[in-house]
Amino acid sequence: MHAHAVTYDALRRSRRRAFFLTRTTQQVKSLTLLREILRAAVALGGLIAWGGLAVLLAG
């Protein structure tokens, strides 16, 4: 047997890991959604800040 050959144990571990990842898919999706909402809120805050600065400079 060669050193680079895939063993049955390695295949079992990869299947177990893939099953574990499919169980947490919903958690990953909700974290991604939360992160995107947070990024949108930060961008909106920045836009409001720039608008406020423009009003102060114009006024």
C-alpha atoms as a PDB file:
ATOM      1  CA  MET A   1       0.000   0.000   0.000  1.00  0.00           C
ATOM      2  CA  HIS A   2       1.320   3.436  -0.889  1.00  0.00           C
ATOM      3  CA  ALA A   3       1.580   6.280   1.598  1.00  0.00           C
ATOM      4  CA  HIS A   4      -0.788   8.510  -0.390  1.00  0.00           C
ATOM      5  CA  ALA A   5      -3.553   5.910  -0.626  1.00  0.00           C
ATOM      6  CA  VAL A   6      -6.865   6.831   1.024  1.00  0.00           C
ATOM      7  CA  THR A   7      -7.722   4.557   3.923  1.00  0.00           C
ATOM      8  CA  TYR A   8     -11.183   3.473   4.997  1.00  0.00           C
ATOM      9  CA  ASP A   9     -10.738   5.308   8.288  1.00  0.00           C
ATOM     10  CA  ALA A  10     -10.085   8.579   6.445  1.00  0.00           C
ATOM     11  CA  LEU A  11     -13.246   8.078   4.385  1.00  0.00           C
ATOM     12  CA  ARG A  12     -15.276   7.430   7.529  1.00  0.00           C
ATOM     13  CA  ARG A  13     -13.933  10.582   9.162  1.00  0.00           C
ATOM     14  CA  SER A  14     -14.728  12.721   6.119  1.00  0.00           C
ATOM     15  CA  ARG A  15     -18.287  11.395   6.026  1.00  0.00           C
ATOM     16  CA  ARG A  16     -18.709  12.095   9.712  1.00  0.00           C
ATOM     17  CA  ARG A  17     -17.424  15.636   9.230  1.00  0.00           C
ATOM     18  CA  ALA A  18     -19.748  16.243   6.268  1.00  0.00           C
ATOM     19  CA  PHE A  19     -22.707  15.030   8.340  1.00  0.00           C
ATOM     20  CA  PHE A  20     -21.683  17.367  11.141  1.00  0.00           C
ATOM     21  CA  LEU A  21     -21.513  20.285   8.737  1.00  0.00           C
ATOM     22  CA  THR A  22     -24.983  19.600   7.348  1.00  0.00           C
ATOM     23  CA  ARG A  23     -26.435  19.749  10.853  1.00  0.00           C
ATOM     24  CA  THR A  24     -25.066  23.241  11.439  1.00  0.00           C
ATOM     25  CA  THR A  25     -26.024  24.664   8.046  1.00  0.00           C
ATOM     26  CA  GLN A  26     -28.997  26.513   9.540  1.00  0.00           C
ATOM     27  CA  GLN A  27     -26.770  28.108  12.188  1.00  0.00           C
ATOM     28  CA  VAL A  28     -24.287  29.218   9.541  1.00  0.00           C
ATOM     29  CA  LYS A  29     -27.081  30.733   7.434  1.00  0.00           C
ATOM     30  CA  SER A  30     -28.484  32.657  10.388  1.00  0.00           C
ATOM     31  CA  LEU A  31     -25.016  33.935  11.326  1.00  0.00           C
ATOM     32  CA  THR A  32     -24.428  35.045   7.746  1.00  0.00           C
ATOM     33  CA  LEU A  33     -27.788  36.806   7.682  1.00  0.00           C
ATOM     34  CA  LEU A  34     -27.056  38.522  10.992  1.00  0.00           C
ATOM     35  CA  ARG A  35     -23.655  39.643   9.721  1.00  0.00           C
ATOM     36  CA  GLU A  36     -25.198  41.079   6.539  1.00  0.00           C
ATOM     37  CA  ILE A  37     -27.846  42.960   8.533  1.00  0.00           C
ATOM     38  CA  LEU A  38     -25.130  44.377  10.768  1.00  0.00           C
ATOM     39  CA  ARG A  39     -23.071  45.452   7.738  1.00  0.00           C
ATOM     40  CA  ALA A  40     -26.136  47.165   6.235  1.00  0.00           C
ATOM     41  CA  ALA A  41     -26.780  48.997   9.518  1.00  0.00           C
ATOM     42  CA  VAL A  42     -23.156  50.194   9.658  1.00  0.00           C
ATOM     43  CA  ALA A  43     -23.332  51.369   6.038  1.00  0.00           C
ATOM     44  CA  LEU A  44     -26.586  53.222   6.725  1.00  0.00           C
ATOM     45  CA  GLY A  45     -25.017  54.838   9.803  1.00  0.00           C
ATOM     46  CA  GLY A  46     -22.069  55.973   7.712  1.00  0.00           C
ATOM     47  CA  LEU A  47     -24.376  57.433   5.094  1.00  0.00           C
ATOM     48  CA  ILE A  48     -26.309  59.326   7.762  1.00  0.00           C
ATOM     49  CA  ALA A  49     -23.035  60.618   9.243  1.00  0.00           C
ATOM     50  CA  TRP A  50     -21.841  61.884   5.857  1.00  0.00           C
ATOM     51  CA  GLY A  51     -25.220  63.520   5.288  1.00  0.00           C
ATOM     52  CA  GLY A  52     -25.024  65.207   8.682  1.00  0.00           C
ATOM     53  CA  LEU A  53     -21.540  66.471   7.884  1.00  0.00           C
ATOM     54  CA  ALA A  54     -22.750  67.859   4.561  1.00  0.00           C
ATOM     55  CA  VAL A  55     -25.617  69.675   6.315  1.00  0.00           C
ATOM     56  CA  LEU A  56     -23.221  71.136   8.896  1.00  0.00           C
ATOM     57  CA  LEU A  57     -20.791  72.321   6.232  1.00  0.00           C
ATOM     58  CA  ALA A  58     -23.572  73.819   4.098  1.00  0.00           C
ATOM     59  CA  GLY A  59     -25.359  75.492   6.979  1.00  0.00           C
END
